[in-house]
Amino acid sequence: MEKLYILQHYWWFLISFLAALLVALMFVQGGQTLLLRLGKTEIQRRMILNSLGRKWELTFTTLVVFGGAFFASFSLYYSTSFGGAYWLWMIILFSFIVQAVAYEYMNKPGNFLGRGVYRLFLYINGIVGVFCLGVAVATLFTGAPFIVHKGNITNVFMPVISTWATPYHGLEAFTHLPNLLLGAALVFLSRIGGAMYLMFNIKDKNIDDNCRKQVIWNTIPFLIFFLSFIVWIFLSYGFGVYRQTGDIYIEKYKYLLNMIELPLIGIIFLVGVVLVLFSIVLVIFKKIDRRAFWIEAVGVLFTVLGLFLSLGFNDTAYYPSIVDPQSSLTIYNSSSSLFTLEVMSWVSILLPIIGIYGFFAWRAMDKKQITPDEISGTHDSY
């Protein structure tokens, strides 16, 4: 049992890291929403699209790996959330599908929809996809209306473990204010990251100046929405679990206490927030500082990692049920079997290798900044 306990925490750490990496890579979605605001000419817009088009697959792949890792390690969450809140997840998946279609067919011969329609698809992905993903993540804190009946697995006629208590299947998440706060915060954060990345990757003074303005304009709403969400979760009730019995209990300030009782997680979260703010200050007061993107990316990685670790560690229910608290999911009652976790742990050894490959691929793509001459002379550009 001790081995299972270690593997459950190991896999929650991997899930948390993949979630943090996914949010850090959403600068692609944020940049897509800024296309018309940053690019005033067709050449400038194509420069932006080519800059983002070289990275969109990284975000898409990370989303797929994140979902796959959740399915393999905490299968009960996968079946409960993806099977119950399916309208919410279908909106998210659809927005990422239209993004892939847009980049693939935008400049193909015989494009009967027109370039503008595919650019609209990218905008939808940047706003709707990111906002809904933020809402889905927020439900890990605020809870969802589901009931778990593990005994049903032996029922030949009704082998359904999790049931959804409302007919809206995920749409009810949009009626809870904290969920909307995190969704909106994620949209503005992605726009900040997108503007910083384009400053880093494109050599064009007009785009640089416009990116700096967008960082300033998007910082205020981001701080309002993000800080409102953080204050809410730190001052609200959370769900804990007695490890020996598996009973769920309600505890005030649970997520704040997790940060205090596990100080390393609190430090990771605070360092991340400070780095994000520092990157914004660099852009605002130093005008053009290309280090800002990397500082912001690391800051986002640390911030989201800290939040996710506080969800699953310290005997916390990471997916509370608002209709039946005892059905709330923890890393103990929702994980896969010891055998599955062991096998998948060996597979996870490949992740650093994939990461190294991604690093060198990124370095090769961003070795030189994109220029107008490069776009004008390229036939296969977006």
Protein backbone atom coordinates (compact mmCIF):
# COMPACT_ATOMS: atom_id res chain seq x y z
CA MET A 1 0.00 0.00 0.00
CA GLU A 2 2.91 2.32 0.66
CA LYS A 3 4.06 1.80 -2.93
CA LEU A 4 0.57 2.66 -4.22
CA TYR A 5 0.57 5.81 -2.06
CA ILE A 6 3.88 6.95 -3.58
CA LEU A 7 2.77 6.24 -7.14
CA GLN A 8 -0.51 8.12 -6.63
CA HIS A 9 1.42 11.22 -5.56
CA TYR A 10 3.97 10.74 -8.33
CA TRP A 11 1.27 10.66 -10.96
CA TRP A 12 -0.56 13.64 -9.52
CA PHE A 13 2.71 15.55 -9.78
CA LEU A 14 3.00 14.55 -13.47
CA ILE A 15 -0.61 15.56 -14.09
CA SER A 16 0.05 18.91 -12.40
CA PHE A 17 3.20 19.48 -14.46
CA LEU A 18 1.40 18.69 -17.72
CA ALA A 19 -1.44 21.06 -16.77
CA ALA A 20 1.10 23.79 -16.00
CA LEU A 21 2.92 23.17 -19.28
CA LEU A 22 -0.38 23.32 -21.18
CA VAL A 23 -1.29 26.70 -19.69
CA ALA A 24 2.22 28.05 -20.36
CA LEU A 25 1.91 27.02 -24.02
CA MET A 26 -1.42 28.78 -24.44
CA PHE A 27 0.43 31.88 -25.58
CA VAL A 28 -0.38 30.43 -29.02
CA GLN A 29 -4.12 30.82 -28.39
CA GLY A 30 -3.60 34.27 -26.90
CA GLY A 31 -1.58 35.40 -29.89
CA GLN A 32 -4.32 34.20 -32.25
CA THR A 33 -6.83 36.54 -30.58
CA LEU A 34 -4.47 39.49 -31.12
CA LEU A 35 -3.97 38.95 -34.85
CA LEU A 36 -5.98 41.96 -36.05
CA ARG A 37 -4.81 44.21 -33.22
CA LEU A 38 -1.11 43.56 -33.75
CA GLY A 39 -0.94 43.16 -37.52
CA LYS A 40 -2.05 46.22 -39.48
CA THR A 41 -0.86 44.93 -42.86
CA GLU A 42 -1.24 41.54 -44.51
CA ILE A 43 2.51 40.90 -44.29
CA GLN A 44 2.47 41.62 -40.52
CA ARG A 45 -0.49 39.27 -40.03
CA ARG A 46 1.26 36.51 -41.93
CA MET A 47 4.36 37.05 -39.80
CA ILE A 48 2.21 36.58 -36.68
CA LEU A 49 0.49 33.49 -38.10
CA ASN A 50 3.80 31.91 -39.08
CA SER A 51 5.27 32.62 -35.66
CA LEU A 52 2.32 30.99 -33.90
CA GLY A 53 1.86 28.32 -36.57
CA ARG A 54 5.22 26.81 -35.72
CA LYS A 55 4.07 26.17 -32.14
CA TRP A 56 0.35 25.32 -32.26
CA GLU A 57 1.02 21.59 -32.43
CA LEU A 58 2.89 21.74 -29.12
CA THR A 59 -0.22 23.02 -27.34
CA PHE A 60 -2.48 20.50 -29.07
CA THR A 61 -0.13 17.61 -28.29
CA THR A 62 0.22 18.65 -24.65
CA LEU A 63 -3.58 18.74 -24.31
CA VAL A 64 -3.81 15.20 -25.71
CA VAL A 65 -1.01 13.94 -23.45
CA PHE A 66 -2.66 15.62 -20.43
CA GLY A 67 -5.96 13.87 -21.16
CA GLY A 68 -4.21 10.56 -21.80
CA ALA A 69 -2.23 10.78 -18.57
CA PHE A 70 -5.40 11.52 -16.60
CA PHE A 71 -7.11 8.54 -18.23
CA ALA A 72 -4.23 6.20 -17.40
CA SER A 73 -3.57 7.32 -13.83
CA PHE A 74 -6.90 8.61 -12.46
CA SER A 75 -9.41 6.84 -14.64
CA LEU A 76 -12.40 7.53 -12.38
CA TYR A 77 -11.97 11.27 -12.88
CA TYR A 78 -11.73 10.75 -16.62
CA SER A 79 -14.96 8.75 -16.75
CA THR A 80 -16.75 11.06 -14.29
CA SER A 81 -15.83 14.42 -15.79
CA PHE A 82 -15.43 13.58 -19.46
CA GLY A 83 -18.44 11.29 -19.36
CA GLY A 84 -20.63 13.57 -17.22
CA ALA A 85 -19.67 17.13 -18.19
CA TYR A 86 -19.42 16.16 -21.83
CA TRP A 87 -20.93 19.37 -23.27
CA LEU A 88 -18.19 21.43 -21.63
CA TRP A 89 -15.45 19.12 -22.89
CA MET A 90 -17.00 18.87 -26.37
CA ILE A 91 -16.85 22.67 -26.70
CA ILE A 92 -13.18 22.59 -25.70
CA LEU A 93 -12.31 19.77 -28.10
CA PHE A 94 -14.26 21.36 -30.96
CA SER A 95 -12.39 24.65 -30.52
CA PHE A 96 -9.05 22.84 -30.78
CA ILE A 97 -10.21 20.85 -33.80
CA VAL A 98 -11.12 24.02 -35.72
CA GLN A 99 -7.69 25.41 -34.82
CA ALA A 100 -6.01 22.38 -36.42
CA VAL A 101 -8.25 22.68 -39.48
CA ALA A 102 -7.45 26.40 -39.80
CA TYR A 103 -3.67 25.96 -39.76
CA GLU A 104 -3.85 22.97 -42.10
CA TYR A 105 -6.11 24.44 -44.79
CA MET A 106 -5.70 28.22 -44.46
CA ASN A 107 -3.47 28.59 -47.50
CA LYS A 108 -4.29 25.39 -49.36
CA PRO A 109 -5.25 25.71 -53.06
CA GLY A 110 -9.00 25.69 -53.57
CA ASN A 111 -9.74 27.17 -50.13
CA PHE A 112 -13.44 27.92 -50.78
CA LEU A 113 -14.11 29.24 -47.24
CA GLY A 114 -11.63 32.05 -47.60
CA ARG A 115 -8.67 33.00 -45.43
CA GLY A 116 -10.83 35.17 -43.15
CA VAL A 117 -13.02 32.23 -42.06
CA TYR A 118 -10.03 30.19 -40.95
CA ARG A 119 -8.64 33.16 -39.07
CA LEU A 120 -12.02 33.40 -37.34
CA PHE A 121 -11.57 29.74 -36.34
CA LEU A 122 -8.27 30.69 -34.69
CA TYR A 123 -9.97 33.51 -32.79
CA ILE A 124 -12.67 31.11 -31.59
CA ASN A 125 -10.01 28.70 -30.38
CA GLY A 126 -8.19 31.51 -28.55
CA ILE A 127 -11.27 32.83 -26.76
CA VAL A 128 -13.79 29.99 -26.42
CA GLY A 129 -11.31 27.14 -26.02
CA VAL A 130 -9.16 28.88 -23.41
CA PHE A 131 -12.13 30.28 -21.48
CA CYS A 132 -13.90 26.91 -21.32
CA LEU A 133 -10.70 25.13 -20.31
CA GLY A 134 -10.34 27.62 -17.44
CA VAL A 135 -13.93 26.91 -16.41
CA ALA A 136 -13.26 23.16 -16.48
CA VAL A 137 -10.14 23.55 -14.32
CA ALA A 138 -12.01 25.77 -11.86
CA THR A 139 -14.52 22.96 -11.23
CA LEU A 140 -11.66 21.07 -9.58
CA PHE A 141 -11.92 23.68 -6.84
CA THR A 142 -15.63 24.49 -6.90
CA GLY A 143 -16.96 20.99 -7.54
CA ALA A 144 -19.50 19.41 -9.87
CA PRO A 145 -22.88 17.65 -9.49
CA PHE A 146 -21.97 13.96 -9.76
CA ILE A 147 -22.57 10.81 -7.75
CA VAL A 148 -20.25 7.79 -7.66
CA HIS A 149 -21.57 4.25 -7.13
CA LYS A 150 -18.55 1.96 -7.34
CA GLY A 151 -20.76 -1.01 -6.51
CA ASN A 152 -22.41 -0.68 -9.92
CA ILE A 153 -19.32 -2.11 -11.59
CA THR A 154 -20.63 -5.60 -10.74
CA ASN A 155 -24.13 -4.78 -12.04
CA VAL A 156 -24.46 -6.51 -15.40
CA PHE A 157 -27.50 -4.45 -16.39
CA MET A 158 -26.25 -1.01 -15.16
CA PRO A 159 -22.43 -1.00 -14.91
CA VAL A 160 -22.27 2.81 -14.69
CA ILE A 161 -20.09 4.02 -11.81
CA SER A 162 -20.62 7.78 -12.10
CA THR A 163 -23.86 9.59 -12.83
CA TRP A 164 -24.47 13.29 -13.44
CA ALA A 165 -27.11 14.86 -11.22
CA THR A 166 -28.28 17.54 -13.68
CA PRO A 167 -29.48 17.36 -17.31
CA TYR A 168 -27.01 20.09 -18.38
CA HIS A 169 -23.89 17.89 -18.35
CA GLY A 170 -21.23 20.50 -17.79
CA LEU A 171 -23.08 23.64 -18.87
CA GLU A 172 -24.03 24.34 -15.23
CA ALA A 173 -20.35 25.17 -14.65
CA PHE A 174 -20.95 28.49 -16.44
CA THR A 175 -23.43 29.57 -13.73
CA HIS A 176 -20.81 29.62 -10.95
CA LEU A 177 -18.92 32.92 -10.68
CA PRO A 178 -15.50 31.54 -9.58
CA ASN A 179 -15.44 29.31 -12.66
CA LEU A 180 -16.02 32.33 -14.89
CA LEU A 181 -13.31 34.27 -13.06
CA LEU A 182 -10.65 31.65 -13.79
CA GLY A 183 -11.83 31.25 -17.38
CA ALA A 184 -11.53 35.00 -17.99
CA ALA A 185 -8.16 35.18 -16.19
CA LEU A 186 -6.80 32.41 -18.42
CA VAL A 187 -7.91 34.25 -21.57
CA PHE A 188 -6.14 37.48 -20.60
CA LEU A 189 -3.06 35.59 -19.38
CA SER A 190 -2.78 33.81 -22.73
CA ARG A 191 -3.02 37.17 -24.51
CA ILE A 192 -0.20 38.56 -22.35
CA GLY A 193 1.95 35.50 -23.12
CA GLY A 194 1.08 35.71 -26.81
CA ALA A 195 2.11 39.35 -27.04
CA MET A 196 5.39 38.65 -25.23
CA TYR A 197 6.19 35.70 -27.48
CA LEU A 198 5.57 37.70 -30.66
CA MET A 199 7.88 40.44 -29.34
CA PHE A 200 10.50 37.73 -28.85
CA ASN A 201 10.00 35.93 -32.16
CA ILE A 202 9.25 38.68 -34.72
CA LYS A 203 11.57 41.43 -35.87
CA ASP A 204 9.22 44.31 -36.57
CA LYS A 205 9.09 47.60 -34.64
CA ASN A 206 5.37 48.20 -35.23
CA ILE A 207 4.46 44.73 -33.98
CA ASP A 208 6.76 45.23 -30.97
CA ASP A 209 5.05 48.51 -30.07
CA ASN A 210 1.59 47.00 -30.47
CA CYS A 211 2.55 43.96 -28.39
CA ARG A 212 3.74 46.17 -25.57
CA LYS A 213 0.41 48.03 -25.58
CA GLN A 214 -1.48 44.73 -25.48
CA VAL A 215 0.55 43.53 -22.49
CA ILE A 216 -0.39 46.71 -20.61
CA TRP A 217 -4.08 46.61 -21.58
CA ASN A 218 -4.52 42.91 -20.78
CA THR A 219 -2.66 43.00 -17.46
CA ILE A 220 -5.36 44.95 -15.60
CA PRO A 221 -8.29 42.60 -16.34
CA PHE A 222 -6.01 39.59 -15.80
CA LEU A 223 -5.05 40.76 -12.32
CA ILE A 224 -8.67 41.56 -11.43
CA PHE A 225 -9.99 38.14 -12.49
CA PHE A 226 -7.03 36.09 -11.25
CA LEU A 227 -6.73 37.73 -7.83
CA SER A 228 -10.51 37.50 -7.36
CA PHE A 229 -10.36 33.77 -8.02
CA ILE A 230 -7.37 33.22 -5.74
CA VAL A 231 -8.98 35.17 -2.89
CA TRP A 232 -12.17 33.17 -3.33
CA ILE A 233 -10.51 29.74 -3.17
CA PHE A 234 -8.24 30.70 -0.29
CA LEU A 235 -11.14 31.98 1.82
CA SER A 236 -13.68 29.30 0.85
CA TYR A 237 -14.32 25.80 2.11
CA GLY A 238 -12.47 22.84 0.67
CA PHE A 239 -12.89 19.08 0.89
CA GLY A 240 -10.41 16.93 2.79
CA VAL A 241 -10.22 13.15 3.16
CA TYR A 242 -9.36 10.89 6.08
CA ARG A 243 -6.84 8.60 4.42
CA GLN A 244 -7.48 5.63 6.69
CA THR A 245 -11.26 5.54 6.21
CA GLY A 246 -11.74 7.42 2.95
CA ASP A 247 -14.41 9.66 4.51
CA ILE A 248 -14.70 13.15 3.05
CA TYR A 249 -15.00 16.18 5.32
CA ILE A 250 -15.39 19.93 4.73
CA GLU A 251 -12.66 22.28 5.98
CA LYS A 252 -12.53 26.05 5.80
CA TYR A 253 -9.48 27.64 4.15
CA LYS A 254 -8.42 24.17 2.92
CA TYR A 255 -6.44 25.37 -0.11
CA LEU A 256 -4.75 28.17 1.82
CA LEU A 257 -3.84 25.70 4.57
CA ASN A 258 -2.38 23.35 1.97
CA MET A 259 -0.02 26.13 0.88
CA ILE A 260 0.99 26.76 4.51
CA GLU A 261 1.23 23.16 5.69
CA LEU A 262 3.18 22.17 2.56
CA PRO A 263 5.43 25.24 2.32
CA LEU A 264 7.28 24.03 -0.77
CA ILE A 265 4.02 24.18 -2.73
CA GLY A 266 3.33 27.65 -1.34
CA ILE A 267 6.81 28.80 -2.37
CA ILE A 268 6.39 27.38 -5.89
CA PHE A 269 3.09 29.24 -6.24
CA LEU A 270 4.45 32.55 -4.91
CA VAL A 271 7.60 32.39 -7.03
CA GLY A 272 5.43 31.77 -10.09
CA VAL A 273 3.20 34.77 -9.37
CA VAL A 274 6.22 37.01 -8.77
CA LEU A 275 7.86 35.92 -12.04
CA VAL A 276 4.69 36.63 -14.04
CA LEU A 277 4.41 40.10 -12.49
CA PHE A 278 8.13 40.76 -13.01
CA SER A 279 7.86 39.88 -16.72
CA ILE A 280 5.00 42.36 -17.08
CA VAL A 281 7.00 45.07 -15.32
CA LEU A 282 9.91 44.42 -17.69
CA VAL A 283 7.71 45.01 -20.72
CA ILE A 284 6.00 48.08 -19.26
CA PHE A 285 9.08 49.91 -18.05
CA LYS A 286 11.81 48.63 -20.36
CA LYS A 287 9.59 48.75 -23.45
CA ILE A 288 11.20 45.91 -25.40
CA ASP A 289 12.85 43.18 -23.34
CA ARG A 290 12.88 39.83 -25.09
CA ARG A 291 13.66 37.99 -21.85
CA ALA A 292 10.14 38.76 -20.64
CA PHE A 293 8.55 35.86 -22.52
CA TRP A 294 10.72 33.22 -20.89
CA ILE A 295 10.29 34.75 -17.44
CA GLU A 296 6.51 34.84 -17.94
CA ALA A 297 6.44 31.24 -19.21
CA VAL A 298 8.37 29.92 -16.22
CA GLY A 299 6.19 32.00 -13.91
CA VAL A 300 2.99 30.54 -15.39
CA LEU A 301 4.48 27.04 -15.12
CA PHE A 302 5.25 27.50 -11.41
CA THR A 303 1.93 29.20 -10.60
CA VAL A 304 -0.25 26.50 -12.17
CA LEU A 305 1.97 23.74 -10.79
CA GLY A 306 1.53 25.12 -7.27
CA LEU A 307 -2.25 25.37 -7.65
CA PHE A 308 -2.61 21.83 -8.99
CA LEU A 309 -0.35 20.34 -6.32
CA SER A 310 -2.48 22.01 -3.63
CA LEU A 311 -5.51 20.29 -5.18
CA GLY A 312 -4.30 16.71 -4.85
CA PHE A 313 -1.72 16.71 -2.05
CA ASN A 314 -2.24 16.98 1.72
CA ASP A 315 -5.24 14.61 1.70
CA THR A 316 -7.45 16.87 -0.42
CA ALA A 317 -10.38 15.99 -2.66
CA TYR A 318 -9.32 17.34 -6.06
CA TYR A 319 -12.80 17.00 -7.60
CA PRO A 320 -15.53 17.67 -5.03
CA SER A 321 -19.11 16.56 -5.54
CA ILE A 322 -21.56 19.33 -4.63
CA VAL A 323 -24.52 16.93 -4.39
CA ASP A 324 -22.86 14.06 -2.50
CA PRO A 325 -19.62 15.03 -0.72
CA GLN A 326 -18.73 11.37 -0.08
CA SER A 327 -18.56 10.88 -3.85
CA SER A 328 -15.77 13.46 -4.13
CA LEU A 329 -12.68 12.22 -5.92
CA THR A 330 -9.25 12.04 -4.31
CA ILE A 331 -5.98 10.66 -5.61
CA TYR A 332 -6.66 7.61 -3.40
CA ASN A 333 -10.16 6.60 -4.49
CA SER A 334 -9.89 7.55 -8.18
CA SER A 335 -6.50 6.18 -9.18
CA SER A 336 -5.87 3.21 -11.41
CA SER A 337 -4.59 -0.07 -10.03
CA LEU A 338 -1.11 -0.50 -8.63
CA PHE A 339 -0.14 -2.58 -11.68
CA THR A 340 -1.33 0.12 -14.11
CA LEU A 341 0.47 2.90 -12.23
CA GLU A 342 3.67 0.85 -12.13
CA VAL A 343 3.60 0.14 -15.86
CA MET A 344 2.76 3.75 -16.72
CA SER A 345 5.56 4.95 -14.44
CA TRP A 346 8.05 3.07 -16.61
CA VAL A 347 6.48 4.67 -19.68
CA SER A 348 6.80 8.11 -18.07
CA ILE A 349 10.59 7.74 -18.25
CA LEU A 350 10.21 8.69 -21.92
CA LEU A 351 8.86 12.15 -21.00
CA PRO A 352 12.31 13.73 -20.43
CA ILE A 353 13.43 12.37 -23.80
CA ILE A 354 10.39 13.94 -25.47
CA GLY A 355 11.12 17.16 -23.57
CA ILE A 356 14.72 17.25 -24.81
CA TYR A 357 13.55 16.69 -28.37
CA GLY A 358 10.99 19.49 -27.98
CA PHE A 359 13.68 21.82 -26.64
CA PHE A 360 15.99 21.32 -29.62
CA ALA A 361 13.08 21.52 -32.07
CA TRP A 362 11.96 24.81 -30.48
CA ARG A 363 15.51 26.13 -30.56
CA ALA A 364 15.83 25.31 -34.25
CA MET A 365 12.53 27.01 -35.11
CA ASP A 366 13.32 30.15 -33.11
CA LYS A 367 16.99 30.42 -34.01
CA LYS A 368 16.25 33.57 -36.02
CA GLN A 369 13.51 36.13 -35.66
CA ILE A 370 10.85 36.23 -38.37
CA THR A 371 11.21 39.13 -40.79
CA PRO A 372 8.99 40.54 -43.57
CA ASP A 373 11.50 39.41 -46.20
CA GLU A 374 11.33 35.83 -44.94
CA ILE A 375 7.53 35.74 -45.22
CA SER A 376 7.49 37.39 -48.64
CA GLY A 377 9.93 34.85 -50.01
CA THR A 378 8.24 31.73 -48.56
CA HIS A 379 5.68 29.84 -50.63
CA ASP A 380 4.47 27.44 -47.94
CA SER A 381 3.97 29.98 -45.13
CA TYR A 382 0.59 30.46 -43.41
